[in-house]
C-alpha atoms as a PDB file:
ATOM      1  CA  UNK A   1      -2.125 -40.354  -4.259  1.00  0.00           C
ATOM      2  CA  UNK A   2      -0.156 -37.198  -5.065  1.00  0.00           C
ATOM      3  CA  UNK A   3      -2.861 -36.052  -7.475  1.00  0.00           C
ATOM      4  CA  UNK A   4      -5.566 -36.559  -4.848  1.00  0.00           C
ATOM      5  CA  UNK A   5      -3.654 -34.467  -2.318  1.00  0.00           C
ATOM      6  CA  UNK A   6      -3.216 -31.714  -4.871  1.00  0.00           C
ATOM      7  CA  UNK A   7      -6.930 -31.568  -5.673  1.00  0.00           C
ATOM      8  CA  UNK A   8      -7.708 -31.147  -1.975  1.00  0.00           C
ATOM      9  CA  UNK A   9      -5.859 -27.826  -1.795  1.00  0.00           C
ATOM     10  CA  UNK A  10      -6.810 -24.384  -3.060  1.00  0.00           C
ATOM     11  CA  UNK A  11      -4.982 -21.127  -3.612  1.00  0.00           C
ATOM     12  CA  UNK A  12      -5.250 -18.963  -0.489  1.00  0.00           C
ATOM     13  CA  UNK A  13      -3.480 -15.642  -1.009  1.00  0.00           C
ATOM     14  CA  UNK A  14      -3.782 -13.210   1.923  1.00  0.00           C
ATOM     15  CA  UNK A  15      -5.097  -9.729   1.169  1.00  0.00           C
ATOM     16  CA  UNK A  16      -1.691  -8.385   2.142  1.00  0.00           C
ATOM     17  CA  UNK A  17      -0.407  -9.591  -1.235  1.00  0.00           C
ATOM     18  CA  UNK A  18      -2.090  -6.543  -2.777  1.00  0.00           C
ATOM     19  CA  UNK A  19       0.820  -4.626  -1.247  1.00  0.00           C
ATOM     20  CA  UNK A  20       2.860  -5.709  -4.281  1.00  0.00           C
ATOM     21  CA  UNK A  21       0.626  -3.498  -6.407  1.00  0.00           C
ATOM     22  CA  UNK A  22       1.218  -0.460  -4.178  1.00  0.00           C
ATOM     23  CA  UNK A  23       4.972  -0.304  -4.613  1.00  0.00           C
ATOM     24  CA  UNK A  24       5.096  -1.376  -8.247  1.00  0.00           C
ATOM     25  CA  UNK A  25       2.432   1.131  -9.274  1.00  0.00           C
ATOM     26  CA  UNK A  26       3.974   3.861  -7.124  1.00  0.00           C
ATOM     27  CA  UNK A  27       7.350   3.375  -8.778  1.00  0.00           C
ATOM     28  CA  UNK A  28       5.645   3.495 -12.155  1.00  0.00           C
ATOM     29  CA  UNK A  29       4.173   6.879 -11.228  1.00  0.00           C
ATOM     30  CA  UNK A  30       7.639   8.088 -10.212  1.00  0.00           C
ATOM     31  CA  UNK A  31       9.094   7.090 -13.582  1.00  0.00           C
ATOM     32  CA  UNK A  32       6.208   8.687 -15.437  1.00  0.00           C
ATOM     33  CA  UNK A  33       6.877  11.941 -13.630  1.00  0.00           C
ATOM     34  CA  UNK A  34      10.625  11.613 -14.244  1.00  0.00           C
ATOM     35  CA  UNK A  35       9.806  11.393 -17.952  1.00  0.00           C
ATOM     36  CA  UNK A  36       8.333  14.898 -17.785  1.00  0.00           C
ATOM     37  CA  UNK A  37      11.506  16.296 -16.190  1.00  0.00           C
ATOM     38  CA  UNK A  38      14.364  14.560 -17.954  1.00  0.00           C
ATOM     39  CA  UNK A  39      15.022  13.446 -21.541  1.00  0.00           C
ATOM     40  CA  UNK A  40      14.156   9.838 -20.709  1.00  0.00           C
ATOM     41  CA  UNK A  41      11.549   7.553 -22.206  1.00  0.00           C
ATOM     42  CA  UNK A  42       8.188   6.927 -20.526  1.00  0.00           C
ATOM     43  CA  UNK A  43       8.590   3.199 -21.112  1.00  0.00           C
ATOM     44  CA  UNK A  44       9.922   2.289 -17.648  1.00  0.00           C
ATOM     45  CA  UNK A  45       6.940   3.989 -16.011  1.00  0.00           C
ATOM     46  CA  UNK A  46       4.400   2.483 -18.372  1.00  0.00           C
ATOM     47  CA  UNK A  47       5.942  -0.986 -18.031  1.00  0.00           C
ATOM     48  CA  UNK A  48       5.816  -0.794 -14.230  1.00  0.00           C
ATOM     49  CA  UNK A  49       2.224   0.466 -14.322  1.00  0.00           C
ATOM     50  CA  UNK A  50       1.264  -2.338 -16.722  1.00  0.00           C
ATOM     51  CA  UNK A  51       3.003  -4.892 -14.488  1.00  0.00           C
ATOM     52  CA  UNK A  52       1.127  -3.551 -11.463  1.00  0.00           C
ATOM     53  CA  UNK A  53      -2.173  -3.757 -13.359  1.00  0.00           C
ATOM     54  CA  UNK A  54      -1.443  -7.393 -14.270  1.00  0.00           C
ATOM     55  CA  UNK A  55      -0.580  -8.262 -10.662  1.00  0.00           C
ATOM     56  CA  UNK A  56      -3.756  -6.519  -9.484  1.00  0.00           C
ATOM     57  CA  UNK A  57      -5.879  -8.437 -12.000  1.00  0.00           C
ATOM     58  CA  UNK A  58      -4.450 -11.792 -10.913  1.00  0.00           C
ATOM     59  CA  UNK A  59      -4.826 -11.012  -7.212  1.00  0.00           C
ATOM     60  CA  UNK A  60      -8.354  -9.676  -7.725  1.00  0.00           C
ATOM     61  CA  UNK A  61      -9.403 -12.843  -9.537  1.00  0.00           C
ATOM     62  CA  UNK A  62      -7.864 -14.936  -6.736  1.00  0.00           C
ATOM     63  CA  UNK A  63      -9.556 -12.827  -4.040  1.00  0.00           C
ATOM     64  CA  UNK A  64     -13.006 -12.874  -5.657  1.00  0.00           C
ATOM     65  CA  UNK A  65     -12.710 -16.596  -6.388  1.00  0.00           C
ATOM     66  CA  UNK A  66     -11.873 -17.257  -2.745  1.00  0.00           C
ATOM     67  CA  UNK A  67     -14.758 -15.046  -1.611  1.00  0.00           C
ATOM     68  CA  UNK A  68     -17.202 -16.992  -3.805  1.00  0.00           C
ATOM     69  CA  UNK A  69     -15.902 -20.508  -3.154  1.00  0.00           C
ATOM     70  CA  UNK A  70     -14.761 -20.126   0.450  1.00  0.00           C
ATOM     71  CA  UNK A  71     -16.624 -17.151   1.952  1.00  0.00           C
ATOM     72  CA  UNK A  72     -15.815 -18.253   5.507  1.00  0.00           C
ATOM     73  CA  UNK A  73     -12.087 -17.724   4.890  1.00  0.00           C
ATOM     74  CA  UNK A  74     -12.634 -14.160   3.659  1.00  0.00           C
ATOM     75  CA  UNK A  75     -14.982 -13.383   6.548  1.00  0.00           C
ATOM     76  CA  UNK A  76     -12.397 -14.725   8.987  1.00  0.00           C
ATOM     77  CA  UNK A  77      -9.803 -12.398   7.458  1.00  0.00           C
ATOM     78  CA  UNK A  78     -12.207  -9.438   7.651  1.00  0.00           C
ATOM     79  CA  UNK A  79     -12.885 -10.117  11.330  1.00  0.00           C
ATOM     80  CA  UNK A  80      -9.291 -10.795  12.336  1.00  0.00           C
ATOM     81  CA  UNK A  81      -7.933  -8.010  14.600  1.00  0.00           C
ATOM     82  CA  UNK A  82      -4.768  -7.619  12.486  1.00  0.00           C
ATOM     83  CA  UNK A  83      -5.545  -8.991   9.024  1.00  0.00           C
ATOM     84  CA  UNK A  84      -8.818  -7.066   8.696  1.00  0.00           C
ATOM     85  CA  UNK A  85      -6.874  -3.871   7.990  1.00  0.00           C
ATOM     86  CA  UNK A  86      -5.075  -5.473   5.048  1.00  0.00           C
ATOM     87  CA  UNK A  87      -8.354  -6.376   3.334  1.00  0.00           C
ATOM     88  CA  UNK A  88      -8.679  -2.652   2.605  1.00  0.00           C
ATOM     89  CA  UNK A  89      -5.738  -2.987   0.212  1.00  0.00           C
ATOM     90  CA  UNK A  90      -8.193  -4.348  -2.356  1.00  0.00           C
ATOM     91  CA  UNK A  91     -10.082  -1.044  -2.834  1.00  0.00           C
ATOM     92  CA  UNK A  92      -6.848   0.928  -2.360  1.00  0.00           C
ATOM     93  CA  UNK A  93      -5.123  -0.840  -5.228  1.00  0.00           C
ATOM     94  CA  UNK A  94      -8.283  -0.655  -7.339  1.00  0.00           C
ATOM     95  CA  UNK A  95      -8.072   3.135  -7.119  1.00  0.00           C
ATOM     96  CA  UNK A  96      -4.336   3.072  -7.860  1.00  0.00           C
ATOM     97  CA  UNK A  97      -5.064   1.084 -11.006  1.00  0.00           C
ATOM     98  CA  UNK A  98      -7.668   3.731 -11.864  1.00  0.00           C
ATOM     99  CA  UNK A  99      -4.943   6.390 -11.636  1.00  0.00           C
ATOM    100  CA  UNK A 100      -2.578   4.286 -13.705  1.00  0.00           C
ATOM    101  CA  UNK A 101      -4.973   3.860 -16.622  1.00  0.00           C
ATOM    102  CA  UNK A 102      -6.080   7.523 -16.797  1.00  0.00           C
ATOM    103  CA  UNK A 103      -3.660   8.290 -19.690  1.00  0.00           C
ATOM    104  CA  UNK A 104      -4.820   5.185 -21.557  1.00  0.00           C
ATOM    105  CA  UNK A 105      -8.599   5.020 -21.082  1.00  0.00           C
ATOM    106  CA  UNK A 106     -10.329   7.559 -18.860  1.00  0.00           C
ATOM    107  CA  UNK A 107     -13.808   5.896 -18.875  1.00  0.00           C
ATOM    108  CA  UNK A 108     -12.325   2.700 -17.407  1.00  0.00           C
ATOM    109  CA  UNK A 109     -10.484   4.796 -14.847  1.00  0.00           C
ATOM    110  CA  UNK A 110     -13.751   6.437 -13.762  1.00  0.00           C
ATOM    111  CA  UNK A 111     -15.430   3.050 -13.365  1.00  0.00           C
ATOM    112  CA  UNK A 112     -12.558   1.614 -11.316  1.00  0.00           C
ATOM    113  CA  UNK A 113     -12.365   4.719  -9.151  1.00  0.00           C
ATOM    114  CA  UNK A 114     -16.111   4.632  -8.490  1.00  0.00           C
ATOM    115  CA  UNK A 115     -15.955   0.974  -7.486  1.00  0.00           C
ATOM    116  CA  UNK A 116     -12.860   1.463  -5.347  1.00  0.00           C
ATOM    117  CA  UNK A 117     -14.072   4.531  -3.483  1.00  0.00           C
ATOM    118  CA  UNK A 118     -17.454   2.981  -2.663  1.00  0.00           C
ATOM    119  CA  UNK A 119     -15.795  -0.184  -1.346  1.00  0.00           C
ATOM    120  CA  UNK A 120     -13.179   1.707   0.657  1.00  0.00           C
ATOM    121  CA  UNK A 121     -15.711   3.979   2.342  1.00  0.00           C
ATOM    122  CA  UNK A 122     -18.061   1.096   3.081  1.00  0.00           C
ATOM    123  CA  UNK A 123     -15.314  -1.132   4.434  1.00  0.00           C
ATOM    124  CA  UNK A 124     -13.660   1.562   6.541  1.00  0.00           C
ATOM    125  CA  UNK A 125     -17.044   2.459   8.067  1.00  0.00           C
ATOM    126  CA  UNK A 126     -17.623  -1.203   8.910  1.00  0.00           C
ATOM    127  CA  UNK A 127     -14.103  -2.117  10.037  1.00  0.00           C
ATOM    128  CA  UNK A 128     -12.673   1.038  11.579  1.00  0.00           C
ATOM    129  CA  UNK A 129     -15.859   2.210  13.280  1.00  0.00           C
ATOM    130  CA  UNK A 130     -16.256  -1.328  14.587  1.00  0.00           C
ATOM    131  CA  UNK A 131     -13.033  -0.864  16.572  1.00  0.00           C
ATOM    132  CA  UNK A 132     -14.684   1.874  18.635  1.00  0.00           C
ATOM    133  CA  UNK A 133     -16.608  -0.669  20.692  1.00  0.00           C
ATOM    134  CA  UNK A 134     -13.653  -1.195  23.004  1.00  0.00           C
ATOM    135  CA  UNK A 135     -12.896  -4.823  22.122  1.00  0.00           C
ATOM    136  CA  UNK A 136      -9.783  -4.374  19.972  1.00  0.00           C
ATOM    137  CA  UNK A 137      -6.809  -6.095  21.672  1.00  0.00           C
ATOM    138  CA  UNK A 138      -3.859  -3.795  22.301  1.00  0.00           C
ATOM    139  CA  UNK A 139      -1.375  -6.327  20.945  1.00  0.00           C
ATOM    140  CA  UNK A 140      -3.198  -6.193  17.588  1.00  0.00           C
ATOM    141  CA  UNK A 141      -2.547  -2.449  17.275  1.00  0.00           C
ATOM    142  CA  UNK A 142      -0.009  -2.252  14.441  1.00  0.00           C
ATOM    143  CA  UNK A 143       0.725   0.245  11.642  1.00  0.00           C
ATOM    144  CA  UNK A 144      -1.695  -1.826   9.555  1.00  0.00           C
ATOM    145  CA  UNK A 145      -4.457   0.248  11.160  1.00  0.00           C
ATOM    146  CA  UNK A 146      -3.447   3.109   8.865  1.00  0.00           C
ATOM    147  CA  UNK A 147      -4.622   1.243   5.780  1.00  0.00           C
ATOM    148  CA  UNK A 148      -8.450   1.511   5.882  1.00  0.00           C
ATOM    149  CA  UNK A 149      -8.816   5.207   6.730  1.00  0.00           C
ATOM    150  CA  UNK A 150      -5.428   6.809   6.042  1.00  0.00           C
ATOM    151  CA  UNK A 151      -3.991   5.061   2.981  1.00  0.00           C
ATOM    152  CA  UNK A 152      -7.359   4.650   1.287  1.00  0.00           C
ATOM    153  CA  UNK A 153      -8.334   8.290   1.731  1.00  0.00           C
ATOM    154  CA  UNK A 154      -4.948   9.537   0.529  1.00  0.00           C
ATOM    155  CA  UNK A 155      -5.209   7.318  -2.552  1.00  0.00           C
ATOM    156  CA  UNK A 156      -8.776   8.540  -3.086  1.00  0.00           C
ATOM    157  CA  UNK A 157      -7.408  12.098  -3.040  1.00  0.00           C
ATOM    158  CA  UNK A 158      -4.715  11.156  -5.555  1.00  0.00           C
ATOM    159  CA  UNK A 159      -7.321   9.597  -7.836  1.00  0.00           C
ATOM    160  CA  UNK A 160      -9.542  12.672  -7.568  1.00  0.00           C
ATOM    161  CA  UNK A 161      -6.579  14.843  -8.524  1.00  0.00           C
ATOM    162  CA  UNK A 162      -5.745  12.642 -11.509  1.00  0.00           C
ATOM    163  CA  UNK A 163      -9.365  12.793 -12.687  1.00  0.00           C
ATOM    164  CA  UNK A 164      -9.751  16.531 -12.112  1.00  0.00           C
ATOM    165  CA  UNK A 165     -12.015  16.393  -9.033  1.00  0.00           C
ATOM    166  CA  UNK A 166      -9.854  18.679  -6.895  1.00  0.00           C
ATOM    167  CA  UNK A 167     -12.449  19.738  -4.318  1.00  0.00           C
ATOM    168  CA  UNK A 168     -13.423  16.122  -3.694  1.00  0.00           C
ATOM    169  CA  UNK A 169      -9.723  15.342  -3.449  1.00  0.00           C
ATOM    170  CA  UNK A 170      -9.325  17.897  -0.666  1.00  0.00           C
ATOM    171  CA  UNK A 171     -12.179  16.240   1.229  1.00  0.00           C
ATOM    172  CA  UNK A 172     -10.465  12.846   1.042  1.00  0.00           C
ATOM    173  CA  UNK A 173      -7.096  14.394   1.902  1.00  0.00           C
ATOM    174  CA  UNK A 174      -8.573  15.939   5.041  1.00  0.00           C
ATOM    175  CA  UNK A 175     -10.159  12.633   6.023  1.00  0.00           C
ATOM    176  CA  UNK A 176      -6.822  10.888   5.593  1.00  0.00           C
ATOM    177  CA  UNK A 177      -4.738  13.466   7.449  1.00  0.00           C
ATOM    178  CA  UNK A 178      -6.956  13.640  10.512  1.00  0.00           C
ATOM    179  CA  UNK A 179      -7.309   9.851  10.584  1.00  0.00           C
ATOM    180  CA  UNK A 180      -3.508   9.646  10.497  1.00  0.00           C
ATOM    181  CA  UNK A 181      -3.107  12.172  13.307  1.00  0.00           C
ATOM    182  CA  UNK A 182      -5.625  10.328  15.478  1.00  0.00           C
ATOM    183  CA  UNK A 183      -4.066   6.893  14.925  1.00  0.00           C
ATOM    184  CA  UNK A 184      -0.352   7.658  15.098  1.00  0.00           C
ATOM    185  CA  UNK A 185      -0.122   8.352  18.874  1.00  0.00           C
ATOM    186  CA  UNK A 186      -1.959   5.105  19.639  1.00  0.00           C
ATOM    187  CA  UNK A 187       0.210   3.053  17.294  1.00  0.00           C
ATOM    188  CA  UNK A 188       3.482   4.572  18.522  1.00  0.00           C
ATOM    189  CA  UNK A 189       2.446   4.049  22.136  1.00  0.00           C
ATOM    190  CA  UNK A 190       1.848   0.370  21.396  1.00  0.00           C
ATOM    191  CA  UNK A 191       5.178   0.023  19.557  1.00  0.00           C
ATOM    192  CA  UNK A 192       7.088   1.679  22.395  1.00  0.00           C
ATOM    193  CA  UNK A 193       5.452   0.301  25.490  1.00  0.00           C
ATOM    194  CA  UNK A 194       3.191  -2.708  24.912  1.00  0.00           C
ATOM    195  CA  UNK A 195       5.741  -5.416  24.207  1.00  0.00           C
ATOM    196  CA  UNK A 196       7.763  -6.429  21.182  1.00  0.00           C
ATOM    197  CA  UNK A 197       5.922  -7.148  17.953  1.00  0.00           C
ATOM    198  CA  UNK A 198       5.978 -10.863  17.047  1.00  0.00           C
ATOM    199  CA  UNK A 199       8.413 -11.599  14.236  1.00  0.00           C
ATOM    200  CA  UNK A 200       5.713 -12.160  11.549  1.00  0.00           C
ATOM    201  CA  UNK A 201       4.216  -8.722  12.302  1.00  0.00           C
ATOM    202  CA  UNK A 202       7.453  -6.739  12.309  1.00  0.00           C
ATOM    203  CA  UNK A 203       7.359  -6.004   8.599  1.00  0.00           C
ATOM    204  CA  UNK A 204       4.087  -4.141   9.146  1.00  0.00           C
ATOM    205  CA  UNK A 205       6.362  -1.433  10.516  1.00  0.00           C
ATOM    206  CA  UNK A 206       7.100  -0.567   6.889  1.00  0.00           C
ATOM    207  CA  UNK A 207       3.644   0.979   6.686  1.00  0.00           C
ATOM    208  CA  UNK A 208       4.833   3.596   9.198  1.00  0.00           C
ATOM    209  CA  UNK A 209       6.990   5.063   6.424  1.00  0.00           C
ATOM    210  CA  UNK A 210       4.031   5.746   4.152  1.00  0.00           C
ATOM    211  CA  UNK A 211       1.550   8.241   5.701  1.00  0.00           C
ATOM    212  CA  UNK A 212       3.629  11.424   5.476  1.00  0.00           C
ATOM    213  CA  UNK A 213       5.028  10.675   2.026  1.00  0.00           C
ATOM    214  CA  UNK A 214       1.739   9.469   0.546  1.00  0.00           C
ATOM    215  CA  UNK A 215       0.031  12.516   2.082  1.00  0.00           C
ATOM    216  CA  UNK A 216       2.626  14.639   0.294  1.00  0.00           C
ATOM    217  CA  UNK A 217       1.843  12.875  -3.005  1.00  0.00           C
ATOM    218  CA  UNK A 218      -1.876  13.388  -2.426  1.00  0.00           C
ATOM    219  CA  UNK A 219      -1.296  17.068  -1.662  1.00  0.00           C
ATOM    220  CA  UNK A 220       0.629  17.495  -4.922  1.00  0.00           C
ATOM    221  CA  UNK A 221      -2.270  15.806  -6.739  1.00  0.00           C
ATOM    222  CA  UNK A 222      -4.852  18.311  -5.534  1.00  0.00           C
ATOM    223  CA  UNK A 223      -2.792  21.533  -5.328  1.00  0.00           C
ATOM    224  CA  UNK A 224      -1.523  21.536  -8.905  1.00  0.00           C
ATOM    225  CA  UNK A 225       1.904  20.151  -8.027  1.00  0.00           C
ATOM    226  CA  UNK A 226       3.075  23.207  -6.082  1.00  0.00           C
ATOM    227  CA  UNK A 227       6.064  22.484  -3.829  1.00  0.00           C
ATOM    228  CA  UNK A 228       4.840  24.635  -0.953  1.00  0.00           C
ATOM    229  CA  UNK A 229       5.714  24.735   2.737  1.00  0.00           C
ATOM    230  CA  UNK A 230       3.170  22.089   3.726  1.00  0.00           C
ATOM    231  CA  UNK A 231       4.565  19.622   1.167  1.00  0.00           C
ATOM    232  CA  UNK A 232       8.096  20.189   2.455  1.00  0.00           C
ATOM    233  CA  UNK A 233       7.004  19.610   6.046  1.00  0.00           C
ATOM    234  CA  UNK A 234       5.291  16.329   5.154  1.00  0.00           C
ATOM    235  CA  UNK A 235       8.377  15.234   3.227  1.00  0.00           C
ATOM    236  CA  UNK A 236      10.583  16.066   6.206  1.00  0.00           C
ATOM    237  CA  UNK A 237       8.563  13.828   8.501  1.00  0.00           C
ATOM    238  CA  UNK A 238       8.739  11.095   5.874  1.00  0.00           C
ATOM    239  CA  UNK A 239      12.542  11.363   5.809  1.00  0.00           C
ATOM    240  CA  UNK A 240      12.601  11.031   9.590  1.00  0.00           C
ATOM    241  CA  UNK A 241      10.558   7.830   9.348  1.00  0.00           C
ATOM    242  CA  UNK A 242      13.014   6.530   6.742  1.00  0.00           C
ATOM    243  CA  UNK A 243      15.872   7.025   9.201  1.00  0.00           C
ATOM    244  CA  UNK A 244      13.909   5.084  11.810  1.00  0.00           C
ATOM    245  CA  UNK A 245      13.315   2.245   9.321  1.00  0.00           C
ATOM    246  CA  UNK A 246      17.034   2.066   8.522  1.00  0.00           C
ATOM    247  CA  UNK A 247      17.859   1.952  12.235  1.00  0.00           C
ATOM    248  CA  UNK A 248      15.503  -1.011  12.754  1.00  0.00           C
ATOM    249  CA  UNK A 249      16.636  -3.052   9.730  1.00  0.00           C
ATOM    250  CA  UNK A 250      18.367  -5.821  11.739  1.00  0.00           C
ATOM    251  CA  UNK A 251      15.203  -6.235  13.827  1.00  0.00           C
ATOM    252  CA  UNK A 252      12.706  -6.815  11.038  1.00  0.00           C
ATOM    253  CA  UNK A 253      15.207  -8.564   8.751  1.00  0.00           C
ATOM    254  CA  UNK A 254      15.588 -11.343  11.324  1.00  0.00           C
ATOM    255  CA  UNK A 255      12.988 -13.355   9.374  1.00  0.00           C
ATOM    256  CA  UNK A 256      13.380 -14.778   5.850  1.00  0.00           C
ATOM    257  CA  UNK A 257      12.132 -12.680   2.950  1.00  0.00           C
ATOM    258  CA  UNK A 258       8.424 -13.049   2.237  1.00  0.00           C
ATOM    259  CA  UNK A 259       5.630 -11.079   0.578  1.00  0.00           C
ATOM    260  CA  UNK A 260       4.987  -9.025   3.725  1.00  0.00           C
ATOM    261  CA  UNK A 261       8.188  -7.051   3.032  1.00  0.00           C
ATOM    262  CA  UNK A 262       6.196  -5.203   0.374  1.00  0.00           C
ATOM    263  CA  UNK A 263       4.707  -3.166   3.234  1.00  0.00           C
ATOM    264  CA  UNK A 264       7.726  -0.873   2.820  1.00  0.00           C
ATOM    265  CA  UNK A 265       7.169  -0.363  -0.892  1.00  0.00           C
ATOM    266  CA  UNK A 266       4.430   2.268  -1.022  1.00  0.00           C
ATOM    267  CA  UNK A 267       6.273   4.663   1.253  1.00  0.00           C
ATOM    268  CA  UNK A 268       9.499   4.027  -0.660  1.00  0.00           C
ATOM    269  CA  UNK A 269       7.908   4.706  -4.052  1.00  0.00           C
ATOM    270  CA  UNK A 270       6.178   7.827  -2.695  1.00  0.00           C
ATOM    271  CA  UNK A 271       9.601   9.003  -1.511  1.00  0.00           C
ATOM    272  CA  UNK A 272      10.799   8.892  -5.120  1.00  0.00           C
ATOM    273  CA  UNK A 273       7.843  10.827  -6.537  1.00  0.00           C
ATOM    274  CA  UNK A 274       7.709  13.490  -3.844  1.00  0.00           C
ATOM    275  CA  UNK A 275      11.476  13.925  -3.920  1.00  0.00           C
ATOM    276  CA  UNK A 276      11.355  14.618  -7.660  1.00  0.00           C
ATOM    277  CA  UNK A 277       8.471  17.078  -7.221  1.00  0.00           C
ATOM    278  CA  UNK A 278      10.316  19.011  -4.533  1.00  0.00           C
ATOM    279  CA  UNK A 279      13.577  18.924  -6.464  1.00  0.00           C
ATOM    280  CA  UNK A 280      11.821  20.340  -9.519  1.00  0.00           C
ATOM    281  CA  UNK A 281      10.228  23.058  -7.375  1.00  0.00           C
ATOM    282  CA  UNK A 282      13.641  24.055  -5.984  1.00  0.00           C
ATOM    283  CA  UNK A 283      16.102  24.258  -8.903  1.00  0.00           C
ATOM    284  CA  UNK A 284      18.961  24.724  -6.436  1.00  0.00           C
ATOM    285  CA  UNK A 285      19.492  23.823  -2.830  1.00  0.00           C
ATOM    286  CA  UNK A 286      18.627  20.950  -0.502  1.00  0.00           C
ATOM    287  CA  UNK A 287      15.706  19.326  -2.330  1.00  0.00           C
ATOM    288  CA  UNK A 288      17.423  19.550  -5.701  1.00  0.00           C
ATOM    289  CA  UNK A 289      20.524  17.884  -4.234  1.00  0.00           C
ATOM    290  CA  UNK A 290      18.711  14.896  -2.721  1.00  0.00           C
ATOM    291  CA  UNK A 291      16.113  14.229  -5.453  1.00  0.00           C
ATOM    292  CA  UNK A 292      18.239  12.064  -7.755  1.00  0.00           C
ATOM    293  CA  UNK A 293      20.024  10.088  -4.980  1.00  0.00           C
ATOM    294  CA  UNK A 294      16.636   9.291  -3.431  1.00  0.00           C
ATOM    295  CA  UNK A 295      15.268   8.276  -6.832  1.00  0.00           C
ATOM    296  CA  UNK A 296      18.187   5.884  -7.357  1.00  0.00           C
ATOM    297  CA  UNK A 297      17.835   4.516  -3.817  1.00  0.00           C
ATOM    298  CA  UNK A 298      14.107   3.853  -4.179  1.00  0.00           C
ATOM    299  CA  UNK A 299      14.556   2.175  -7.555  1.00  0.00           C
ATOM    300  CA  UNK A 300      17.064  -0.154  -5.949  1.00  0.00           C
ATOM    301  CA  UNK A 301      14.638  -1.081  -3.159  1.00  0.00           C
ATOM    302  CA  UNK A 302      11.730  -1.784  -5.523  1.00  0.00           C
ATOM    303  CA  UNK A 303      13.995  -3.740  -7.894  1.00  0.00           C
ATOM    304  CA  UNK A 304      15.216  -5.860  -4.978  1.00  0.00           C
ATOM    305  CA  UNK A 305      11.641  -6.555  -3.867  1.00  0.00           C
ATOM    306  CA  UNK A 306      10.632  -7.576  -7.395  1.00  0.00           C
ATOM    307  CA  UNK A 307      13.645  -9.855  -7.817  1.00  0.00           C
ATOM    308  CA  UNK A 308      13.264 -11.520  -4.419  1.00  0.00           C
ATOM    309  CA  UNK A 309       9.540 -12.019  -5.014  1.00  0.00           C
ATOM    310  CA  UNK A 310      10.236 -13.594  -8.405  1.00  0.00           C
ATOM    311  CA  UNK A 311      12.713 -15.961  -6.737  1.00  0.00           C
ATOM    312  CA  UNK A 312      10.043 -16.930  -4.189  1.00  0.00           C
ATOM    313  CA  UNK A 313       7.647 -17.612  -7.052  1.00  0.00           C
ATOM    314  CA  UNK A 314      10.183 -19.816  -8.832  1.00  0.00           C
ATOM    315  CA  UNK A 315      10.858 -21.692  -5.579  1.00  0.00           C
ATOM    316  CA  UNK A 316       7.153 -22.370  -5.124  1.00  0.00           C
ATOM    317  CA  UNK A 317       7.047 -20.400  -1.860  1.00  0.00           C
ATOM    318  CA  UNK A 318       4.919 -17.433  -2.971  1.00  0.00           C
ATOM    319  CA  UNK A 319       1.572 -18.954  -3.919  1.00  0.00           C
ATOM    320  CA  UNK A 320       0.072 -20.187  -0.656  1.00  0.00           C
ATOM    321  CA  UNK A 321      -2.201 -23.220  -0.801  1.00  0.00           C
ATOM    322  CA  UNK A 322      -4.481 -24.414   1.987  1.00  0.00           C
ATOM    323  CA  UNK A 323      -6.615 -27.516   2.430  1.00  0.00           C
ATOM    324  CA  UNK A 324     -10.050 -26.937   0.934  1.00  0.00           C
ATOM    325  CA  UNK A 325     -11.699 -28.527   3.948  1.00  0.00           C
ATOM    326  CA  UNK A 326     -10.076 -25.935   6.211  1.00  0.00           C
ATOM    327  CA  UNK A 327     -11.180 -23.048   3.986  1.00  0.00           C
ATOM    328  CA  UNK A 328     -14.776 -24.267   4.080  1.00  0.00           C
ATOM    329  CA  UNK A 329     -14.932 -24.369   7.879  1.00  0.00           C
ATOM    330  CA  UNK A 330     -16.957 -21.677   9.655  1.00  0.00           C
ATOM    331  CA  UNK A 331     -14.778 -18.985  11.229  1.00  0.00           C
ATOM    332  CA  UNK A 332     -14.986 -20.279  14.798  1.00  0.00           C
ATOM    333  CA  UNK A 333     -13.805 -23.764  13.753  1.00  0.00           C
ATOM    334  CA  UNK A 334     -10.771 -22.727  11.729  1.00  0.00           C
END
């Protein structure tokens, strides 16, 4: 009887799980850069990048398997007013993996980047432009809306910088920045005035930390790493968002830890990398003083996320399973 019940369920990991790759890979990049500044080994960075690649491979296999076996469940996610934004994490993390493997095997990096950028542009045109028809519910307006057009374009710019396509990187950076500027007033208006976010959606607020800091990382990628005025301004806005996140900790920590807490990780890891860049560009003064404390702080956050996620895995609470019959239902019957 137990065996029969088990065979009637299938792995059903939400696209939001790709967020684990964002923070792990981002912290790997921070350690790689730290290895160029200090007399420390590159191993921590390479290990984190390799771990992120492994997580991405497993999640990609699970996602593609679900898309082939249960296409209705993936289509339902793509058409959901909130979850549809998180589907764009698949191409975003594909491009991050492309950046991560550049030092190891550039041809593979080019292939992954090409696949990721085509998917991200196609999906953002379908999903984000689809919201312009006036049917998107206001209560579904969350920071997740940044993912298809802001996060993906910033990561595209970072990948272009890593591969040497600097002009193309500037194009993607511009697309990301102006998408960010157009979305932020709408999202903040919803957060302030359209009712409290339901508890399961509160962790999406972690995405609010990312745009300025990831934009700063993308800018460093395409400008040769120069710590100029624009980079410092972006970093300053990112620090302000960090203060807001710390202020709201009791609010979004009211729910038990789950995989959605990884929404904070990409902004946190970008804080480490950009802080080191700015500290290196200012051998004395404010940025130099805060670079190492921020690096230690961000390592602690990512380590905590990894440990808590591993505990969830050991407790059997991480890998979500759903009845196969439910996954095979057409979208309107689920």
